[in-house]
């Protein structure tokens, strides 16, 4: 299940938001070695002050939080246009209300060690499906994101592969890429079929504050 949390409502969801920031510190700071600021075990940056949309994956039976991602329109403040500027082998200049950026995509570490690979893959599938659902509801046509080489196989298996646009070796220990993902009904159907679901996995109340971008 996916819970949508708008940045300006984050204080109403302290458990989910704290879990997300702590997971980001472990994944991007400790595991991937990215140049991120971590304070008191939390990774947070200026884009968390830009009223982003957070997608939080959780188990509806246990309430356990499994993963998260942050979404922002490229027509406003975004990482590729500022933090990542000049770090890729091709210039990337995207600014459109119809193209949103996804950042800080991560499967959260389990309470006791690493997650089972099958569980991690299911969480990644649900987050991707949630992003596609949000995109279709809001009228978004494409998703922009930075991803590392380890995710290429994952996206292929999920059934939603990006079009690579540029790459960089300056962001950590692994080569990372900028990619664009198309958003359409065909992709949504494929993602649902691969995950074995037939309806939305987003909490109904989460859709209420989403608005069409065009």
Foldseek 3Di string as FASTA:
>chain_A
DKEKDWLVRVVVPVVQVQLLQLQLCCVQCVPFNFPFDADPSGTDDPVSVVGWIKIWDADPVPRHTWWIKTKDAQQDDDCCVPVVQPQWPDGDDDHDNQEMEIPSTDTGADPPGRDDPVSNLLRVLLRVLQVLVLSVLQVRFKYKYKAFPVCQVSCVLLPWHWDWDTWGPPGGNTIMTITMTGHDPVSSVSSCVSSVHDDDPYDPVNCVPRHHSD
